[in-house]
Amino acid sequence: MTDVTADAIRSALGRIPSPFRNSPQFVSEPLSEAIGVPVVVKLETANPIGCFKGRGTWLAVSELLAAGRVGERQGVIVASAGNFGQGVAYAGRAMGIPVIVMAATTANPTKVAAMRRLGADVRTVGEDFDAARLGAAQLAADSGWHLLVDGDDPWISIGAGTIALELTDAAESGDLPALDRLYVPVGNGALIAGVGTWLRAETPATRVIGVQAVGAPAMTLSWREQRPIETPSADTIADGIAARVPVLAALELMIAVVDEMLLVDDDQIVAATREMSVALPTTVEPSAGAGWAAVRAAQSQPGAVGVVVTGGNVAFDASSGGEVELHAVSQGRAD
């Protein structure tokens, strides 16, 4: 199995389709004014699926295809609340591989519709993401199709690591300031594992800070204790980072490359999401707002700050005058 390393991340960048590479990154003047230091924003919303997941899922599915583990008649099964499933569905459609997504009955209907639009067979089971994950595992065992687990397959983290690569390349060329701290939303840990791996190798002075919701702290508790700790529930508005069962492979990487894990509550997430949606040229989903919520809650420190806007897929209600709805979710979900 391929290891998540800086060399793997660098070599993978050119294999990622252009719509998912070189995402917008810039110093946000409104956000910088709010905290008194430069704030570098990495927008992972300007792509066909509106989130960062397209990088790693493309690599993972293409590797499975090259190895003969999936094909036209033997597809991929995943569990997802939406964003991960969209990434797998996008890659599967492009490569002619069928995709089944198991989602909780409480999954964001906007994300469910998007997965179906991309060709995935979406099936709902259970009241939370981890119940859907069990359903996906059972279906894979029964059907012989490949079970792709976000946070477990190394190519997901390798793809995510290219986000940090683009940030450091821009800093090296002088287009962006070098980062003192990078705040990363954490669900199952694949994103921060990849980002942290790159930064630890290339710019070890940059502090890698993970952020979770108070109501869904499984990976934070696990990182602090350096062992998997499940929680009985995951209750937060940030559906993309709500999981109650840690992914061991991602946790092991996190222990090696993450400097700090912080928790923010839903009120902080909602306020941060709204502030970012006003300040930035994109809609920000609550999961993506968690990083900025942690920045706002932290004591003022010198040095440039980075935040990854991981996605912009929110529920949209045209009947309410076109307002974006921020719906609370309960019992656990993760992308």
Foldseek 3Di string as FASTA:
>chain_A
DDDQALVLLVVLQVVQDPLQPPADKDFFPVLCVVQVATEIEGQRQRGPLFFNQLQLLLVVVVVCVVVVQFDLVAAEEEEALARNLLNNLQNCLVRNGAYEYEYAPQRAVLRVVSSVVSPHNYDHDHQARVRSRVVRVVVCVVPVHHYDYPLADLSSLSRLLVSLVSVVVCCVVVNDPDFQEEEEEAAQQSNLLNVLNNCCVPPVNYAYEYEDAPQACQLVVCLVVVHGDFDQFRWELQQARWARGHDNNNSVSCNVGHDYYYYDHRVLLVVQQVVCCVSDPARAASSQSRRVSVVVVDDRDYGYYYGYRGGRRFDFDVVVVGDTDRDIGMRTHHD
